[in-house]
């Protein structure tokens, strides 16, 4: 099971930190991803991190603004989002890289 938190409303240029708590599987064995569903783009992969937390990957649209990280001891993955833009508005999901597990999503709204 994956449970996201940390979404909300923020003005353009603001920041949010999303968290995702895992349970029921061996968390450190899985690469993890954040994906989002926006009204403008539809489903979009955002970022990924390998099981050891040493390798990270980002979509061009968020490169330099978002940072993914994980804490295997706490079974958590995070997405730090800075300099948010209205186009970042959407529902953000964490998932295992193979989508075996997918959270319920957390809403992020960026508007003035």
Protein backbone atom coordinates (compact mmCIF):
# COMPACT_ATOMS: atom_id res chain seq x y z
CA UNK A 1 0.00 0.00 0.00
CA UNK A 2 1.13 3.53 -0.76
CA UNK A 3 -0.33 6.64 0.86
CA UNK A 4 0.54 10.16 -0.34
CA UNK A 5 0.28 13.36 1.64
CA UNK A 6 1.42 16.95 1.46
CA UNK A 7 -0.64 18.29 -1.39
CA UNK A 8 -2.51 21.56 -1.22
CA UNK A 9 -2.84 25.00 -2.72
CA UNK A 10 0.14 27.24 -3.35
CA UNK A 11 0.77 30.41 -5.32
CA UNK A 12 3.01 30.35 -8.39
CA UNK A 13 6.64 30.32 -7.32
CA UNK A 14 5.82 28.56 -4.09
CA UNK A 15 6.92 25.18 -2.77
CA UNK A 16 5.35 21.97 -1.53
CA UNK A 17 6.79 18.72 -0.27
CA UNK A 18 4.91 15.54 -1.04
CA UNK A 19 5.41 12.42 1.04
CA UNK A 20 4.50 8.82 0.33
CA UNK A 21 4.43 6.10 2.96
CA UNK A 22 4.79 2.47 1.92
CA UNK A 23 3.62 -0.65 3.68
CA UNK A 24 3.06 -4.30 2.89
CA UNK A 25 6.06 -4.88 0.66
CA UNK A 26 9.85 -4.72 0.80
CA UNK A 27 10.19 -1.04 0.00
CA UNK A 28 13.93 -0.96 -0.60
CA UNK A 29 13.62 -3.58 -3.34
CA UNK A 30 11.61 -1.24 -5.54
CA UNK A 31 12.50 1.72 -7.66
CA UNK A 32 9.87 4.38 -7.00
CA UNK A 33 8.22 6.98 -9.19
CA UNK A 34 6.02 10.02 -8.91
CA UNK A 35 3.48 10.49 -11.66
CA UNK A 36 0.81 13.14 -12.08
CA UNK A 37 -2.42 13.63 -13.91
CA UNK A 38 -3.02 17.18 -15.05
CA UNK A 39 -5.99 18.59 -16.94
CA UNK A 40 -3.70 19.94 -19.63
CA UNK A 41 -1.34 17.01 -20.23
CA UNK A 42 -3.15 13.96 -18.91
CA UNK A 43 -1.01 11.30 -17.20
CA UNK A 44 2.66 12.28 -16.98
CA UNK A 45 5.65 10.61 -15.40
CA UNK A 46 7.43 13.15 -13.17
CA UNK A 47 10.39 11.57 -11.42
CA UNK A 48 11.95 8.29 -10.33
CA UNK A 49 14.52 7.04 -7.85
CA UNK A 50 16.24 3.70 -7.62
CA UNK A 51 15.94 1.38 -4.65
CA UNK A 52 19.16 2.55 -3.03
CA UNK A 53 18.36 6.21 -3.51
CA UNK A 54 21.54 6.87 -5.46
CA UNK A 55 20.06 7.51 -8.90
CA UNK A 56 17.32 9.98 -9.70
CA UNK A 57 15.51 10.88 -12.90
CA UNK A 58 13.25 13.77 -13.86
CA UNK A 59 10.92 14.78 -16.64
CA UNK A 60 12.24 17.81 -18.56
CA UNK A 61 9.25 19.82 -17.37
CA UNK A 62 10.32 19.56 -13.71
CA UNK A 63 14.10 19.20 -14.00
CA UNK A 64 15.82 21.73 -11.75
CA UNK A 65 12.65 22.48 -9.78
CA UNK A 66 11.69 19.12 -8.24
CA UNK A 67 13.81 16.79 -6.11
CA UNK A 68 12.96 13.18 -5.36
CA UNK A 69 14.40 11.39 -2.35
CA UNK A 70 13.67 8.38 -0.20
CA UNK A 71 14.25 7.05 3.30
CA UNK A 72 14.26 3.27 3.21
CA UNK A 73 14.35 2.98 7.00
CA UNK A 74 11.09 4.91 7.19
CA UNK A 75 9.71 3.36 3.98
CA UNK A 76 9.02 6.79 2.56
CA UNK A 77 9.60 8.62 -0.70
CA UNK A 78 9.43 12.38 -1.06
CA UNK A 79 9.01 14.94 -3.80
CA UNK A 80 10.23 18.44 -3.02
CA UNK A 81 8.62 20.82 -5.49
CA UNK A 82 10.00 24.35 -5.80
CA UNK A 83 9.13 27.24 -8.10
CA UNK A 84 5.76 25.74 -8.79
CA UNK A 85 3.85 26.80 -11.88
CA UNK A 86 0.15 26.66 -12.72
CA UNK A 87 0.91 23.85 -15.20
CA UNK A 88 2.03 21.74 -12.23
CA UNK A 89 -1.57 21.61 -11.00
CA UNK A 90 -2.88 18.07 -10.84
CA UNK A 91 -3.16 14.89 -8.82
CA UNK A 92 0.20 13.42 -7.84
CA UNK A 93 0.65 9.71 -7.29
CA UNK A 94 3.54 7.69 -6.00
CA UNK A 95 4.04 4.24 -7.38
CA UNK A 96 6.50 1.45 -7.61
CA UNK A 97 8.35 1.76 -10.89
CA UNK A 98 6.44 -1.18 -12.35
CA UNK A 99 3.09 0.18 -11.05
CA UNK A 100 2.52 -2.94 -8.96
CA UNK A 101 1.61 -0.52 -6.20
CA UNK A 102 -0.02 2.86 -6.77
CA UNK A 103 -1.23 5.37 -4.20
CA UNK A 104 -4.56 7.14 -4.12
CA UNK A 105 -3.08 10.50 -5.08
CA UNK A 106 -2.82 13.94 -3.54
CA UNK A 107 -4.08 17.14 -5.16
CA UNK A 108 -1.68 19.96 -5.93
CA UNK A 109 -3.14 23.29 -7.02
CA UNK A 110 -0.95 26.16 -8.15
CA UNK A 111 -2.81 29.40 -8.72
CA UNK A 112 -2.89 33.01 -7.71
